[in-house]
N, C-alpha and C. Protein backbone atom coordinates (compact mmCIF):
# COMPACT_ATOMS: atom_id res chain seq x y z
N MET A 1 41.66 -18.22 -8.42
CA MET A 1 41.82 -19.55 -8.11
C MET A 1 41.04 -20.45 -8.90
N LYS A 2 40.08 -20.03 -9.60
CA LYS A 2 39.50 -20.79 -10.24
C LYS A 2 39.98 -20.97 -11.73
N HIS A 3 40.59 -20.03 -12.42
CA HIS A 3 41.52 -20.29 -13.54
C HIS A 3 42.50 -20.97 -13.34
N ILE A 4 43.37 -21.04 -12.28
CA ILE A 4 44.54 -21.99 -11.93
C ILE A 4 43.72 -23.44 -12.02
N LEU A 5 42.52 -23.71 -11.51
CA LEU A 5 42.13 -25.06 -11.57
C LEU A 5 41.70 -25.43 -12.77
N LYS A 6 41.32 -24.67 -13.57
CA LYS A 6 41.06 -24.88 -15.11
C LYS A 6 42.19 -24.98 -15.67
N ILE A 7 43.17 -24.50 -15.56
CA ILE A 7 44.46 -24.75 -16.23
C ILE A 7 45.10 -25.90 -15.84
N ILE A 8 45.02 -26.39 -14.22
CA ILE A 8 45.49 -27.50 -13.97
C ILE A 8 44.54 -28.62 -14.63
N ALA A 9 43.39 -28.73 -14.65
CA ALA A 9 42.59 -29.58 -14.98
C ALA A 9 42.78 -29.89 -16.48
N LEU A 10 43.09 -28.76 -17.27
CA LEU A 10 43.43 -29.03 -18.80
C LEU A 10 44.88 -29.44 -18.83
N LEU A 11 45.78 -29.39 -18.04
CA LEU A 11 47.17 -29.79 -18.06
C LEU A 11 46.90 -31.34 -17.89
N VAL A 12 46.36 -31.79 -16.76
CA VAL A 12 46.17 -33.15 -16.68
C VAL A 12 45.39 -33.91 -17.58
N THR A 13 44.26 -33.33 -18.17
CA THR A 13 43.79 -33.92 -19.34
C THR A 13 44.45 -34.36 -20.59
N ILE A 14 45.18 -33.17 -21.00
CA ILE A 14 45.93 -33.33 -22.11
C ILE A 14 47.27 -34.13 -21.98
N SER A 15 47.73 -34.17 -20.49
CA SER A 15 48.84 -35.32 -20.37
C SER A 15 48.40 -36.81 -20.33
N ALA A 16 47.19 -36.80 -19.74
CA ALA A 16 46.48 -38.10 -19.84
C ALA A 16 46.43 -38.80 -21.34
N MET A 17 45.73 -37.92 -22.03
CA MET A 17 45.44 -38.10 -23.53
C MET A 17 46.81 -38.45 -24.29
N TRP A 18 47.94 -37.50 -23.93
CA TRP A 18 49.28 -37.74 -24.57
C TRP A 18 49.94 -39.35 -24.04
N ILE A 19 49.67 -39.79 -22.70
CA ILE A 19 50.33 -40.77 -22.26
C ILE A 19 49.48 -41.77 -22.99
N GLY A 20 48.14 -41.65 -22.87
CA GLY A 20 47.33 -42.74 -23.70
C GLY A 20 47.55 -43.01 -24.95
N LEU A 21 47.77 -41.92 -25.90
CA LEU A 21 48.26 -41.99 -27.17
C LEU A 21 49.42 -42.98 -27.18
N LEU A 22 50.57 -42.31 -26.59
CA LEU A 22 51.93 -43.13 -26.41
C LEU A 22 51.69 -44.58 -26.33
N GLU A 23 50.85 -44.99 -25.33
CA GLU A 23 50.78 -46.29 -24.75
C GLU A 23 50.24 -47.08 -25.93
N MET A 24 48.94 -46.77 -26.46
CA MET A 24 48.14 -47.39 -27.35
C MET A 24 48.95 -47.49 -28.66
N SER A 25 49.74 -46.48 -29.03
CA SER A 25 50.69 -46.37 -30.20
C SER A 25 49.66 -46.01 -31.30
N VAL A 26 48.97 -45.41 -30.99
CA VAL A 26 47.85 -44.52 -32.11
C VAL A 26 48.74 -43.74 -32.93
N VAL A 27 49.37 -42.73 -32.23
CA VAL A 27 50.01 -42.04 -32.95
C VAL A 27 51.47 -42.41 -33.50
N PRO A 28 51.97 -42.43 -34.64
CA PRO A 28 53.46 -43.19 -35.02
C PRO A 28 54.47 -42.14 -34.12
N GLN A 29 55.62 -43.11 -33.98
CA GLN A 29 56.67 -42.65 -33.04
C GLN A 29 57.47 -41.44 -33.56
N ASN A 30 57.45 -41.39 -34.91
CA ASN A 30 57.82 -39.84 -35.45
C ASN A 30 57.19 -38.85 -35.34
N GLN A 31 55.89 -38.96 -34.97
CA GLN A 31 54.93 -37.66 -34.63
C GLN A 31 54.79 -37.24 -33.40
N THR A 32 55.43 -38.26 -32.32
CA THR A 32 55.05 -38.01 -31.01
C THR A 32 55.67 -36.74 -30.31
N TRP A 33 56.86 -36.29 -30.80
CA TRP A 33 57.41 -35.42 -30.37
C TRP A 33 56.85 -33.94 -30.92
N LEU A 34 55.64 -34.18 -31.57
CA LEU A 34 54.75 -32.93 -31.82
C LEU A 34 53.59 -32.65 -30.66
N LEU A 35 53.51 -33.67 -30.01
CA LEU A 35 52.28 -33.45 -29.24
C LEU A 35 52.61 -32.27 -28.12
N PRO A 36 53.67 -32.31 -27.84
CA PRO A 36 53.93 -31.20 -26.79
C PRO A 36 53.88 -29.68 -27.51
N ILE A 37 54.05 -29.71 -28.44
CA ILE A 37 54.06 -28.59 -29.52
C ILE A 37 52.78 -28.04 -29.61
N TYR A 38 51.82 -29.13 -30.01
CA TYR A 38 50.43 -29.05 -29.79
C TYR A 38 49.67 -28.49 -28.81
N PHE A 39 50.41 -29.18 -27.73
CA PHE A 39 49.83 -28.83 -26.32
C PHE A 39 50.20 -27.50 -25.78
N ILE A 40 51.21 -26.81 -26.47
CA ILE A 40 51.65 -25.69 -26.01
C ILE A 40 50.66 -24.57 -26.96
N VAL A 41 50.47 -24.92 -28.03
CA VAL A 41 49.62 -23.87 -28.98
C VAL A 41 48.11 -24.07 -28.31
N SER A 42 47.77 -25.18 -28.11
CA SER A 42 46.39 -25.10 -27.47
C SER A 42 45.99 -24.57 -26.18
N LEU A 43 47.13 -24.65 -25.25
CA LEU A 43 47.04 -23.96 -24.04
C LEU A 43 47.14 -22.24 -24.49
N GLY A 44 48.04 -21.85 -25.21
CA GLY A 44 47.82 -20.14 -25.70
C GLY A 44 46.62 -19.92 -26.22
N CYS A 45 45.97 -20.95 -26.96
CA CYS A 45 44.68 -20.69 -27.37
C CYS A 45 43.52 -20.57 -26.47
N TYR A 46 43.74 -21.30 -25.24
CA TYR A 46 43.08 -21.52 -24.29
C TYR A 46 43.13 -19.98 -23.60
N GLY A 47 44.18 -19.50 -23.40
CA GLY A 47 44.52 -18.35 -22.72
C GLY A 47 43.92 -17.18 -23.51
N LEU A 48 44.12 -17.06 -24.84
CA LEU A 48 43.41 -15.93 -25.69
C LEU A 48 41.95 -16.06 -25.41
N LEU A 49 41.31 -17.19 -25.32
CA LEU A 49 39.88 -17.58 -25.31
C LEU A 49 39.64 -17.10 -23.89
N MET A 50 40.16 -17.34 -22.73
CA MET A 50 39.83 -16.82 -21.47
C MET A 50 40.01 -15.34 -21.51
N VAL A 51 40.84 -14.67 -22.12
CA VAL A 51 41.13 -13.25 -22.10
C VAL A 51 39.94 -12.71 -22.96
N GLY A 52 39.38 -13.13 -24.05
CA GLY A 52 38.27 -12.80 -24.66
C GLY A 52 37.12 -12.90 -24.10
N ILE A 53 36.92 -13.79 -23.31
CA ILE A 53 35.69 -14.00 -22.58
C ILE A 53 35.45 -12.79 -21.37
N GLY A 54 36.48 -12.97 -21.05
CA GLY A 54 37.06 -11.72 -19.76
C GLY A 54 36.61 -10.48 -20.29
N LEU A 55 37.01 -10.10 -21.38
CA LEU A 55 36.73 -8.69 -22.05
C LEU A 55 35.17 -8.71 -22.51
N MET A 56 34.62 -9.66 -22.97
CA MET A 56 33.24 -9.50 -23.35
C MET A 56 32.42 -9.40 -21.94
N HIS A 57 32.69 -10.03 -20.93
CA HIS A 57 31.73 -9.84 -19.55
C HIS A 57 32.67 -8.86 -18.69
N PHE A 58 33.22 -7.97 -19.33
CA PHE A 58 33.87 -6.96 -18.50
C PHE A 58 32.78 -6.09 -17.67
N PRO A 59 32.99 -6.30 -16.33
CA PRO A 59 31.80 -5.59 -15.54
C PRO A 59 31.97 -4.25 -15.33
N THR A 60 30.84 -3.75 -15.73
CA THR A 60 30.69 -2.05 -15.38
C THR A 60 30.77 -1.74 -14.20
N CYS A 61 31.06 -0.35 -13.72
CA CYS A 61 31.29 0.11 -12.30
C CYS A 61 30.48 1.47 -12.42
N PRO A 62 29.47 1.57 -12.19
CA PRO A 62 28.93 3.06 -12.44
C PRO A 62 29.48 4.01 -11.30
N HIS A 63 29.77 3.69 -10.23
CA HIS A 63 30.20 4.33 -9.05
C HIS A 63 31.64 5.11 -9.83
N GLU A 64 32.38 4.11 -10.22
CA GLU A 64 33.77 4.36 -10.59
C GLU A 64 33.65 5.32 -11.86
N ALA A 65 32.74 5.08 -12.78
CA ALA A 65 32.61 5.99 -13.89
C ALA A 65 32.38 7.39 -13.61
N VAL A 66 31.40 7.58 -12.53
CA VAL A 66 31.14 8.80 -11.79
C VAL A 66 32.31 9.40 -11.21
N LEU A 67 33.00 8.90 -10.56
CA LEU A 67 34.65 9.34 -10.11
C LEU A 67 35.47 9.83 -11.02
N LEU A 68 35.39 8.82 -12.24
CA LEU A 68 36.37 9.23 -13.59
C LEU A 68 35.82 10.72 -13.97
N GLN A 69 34.46 10.70 -14.22
CA GLN A 69 33.83 11.89 -14.94
C GLN A 69 34.31 13.26 -14.01
N GLN A 70 34.36 13.01 -12.64
CA GLN A 70 34.61 13.98 -11.94
C GLN A 70 35.95 14.61 -11.83
N ASN A 71 36.77 13.71 -12.14
CA ASN A 71 38.09 13.78 -12.25
C ASN A 71 38.57 14.44 -13.69
N ILE A 72 37.64 14.25 -14.53
CA ILE A 72 37.86 14.76 -15.98
C ILE A 72 37.55 16.14 -16.08
């Protein structure tokens, strides 16, 4: 559930930034169509980062390791 809230917060933040950039006309009109592509790429990078962090902090289960050794 925590990851869903993080992703939703990220979506809201990026959407707010995109709308703000469009309203302030900071980004030229011919480049605004690239912003959703940047968003999708950044969301993919965020997903890979979360998977990498999850693998680095993979919990060890000593009880399960003993059961696995017994099966082998």
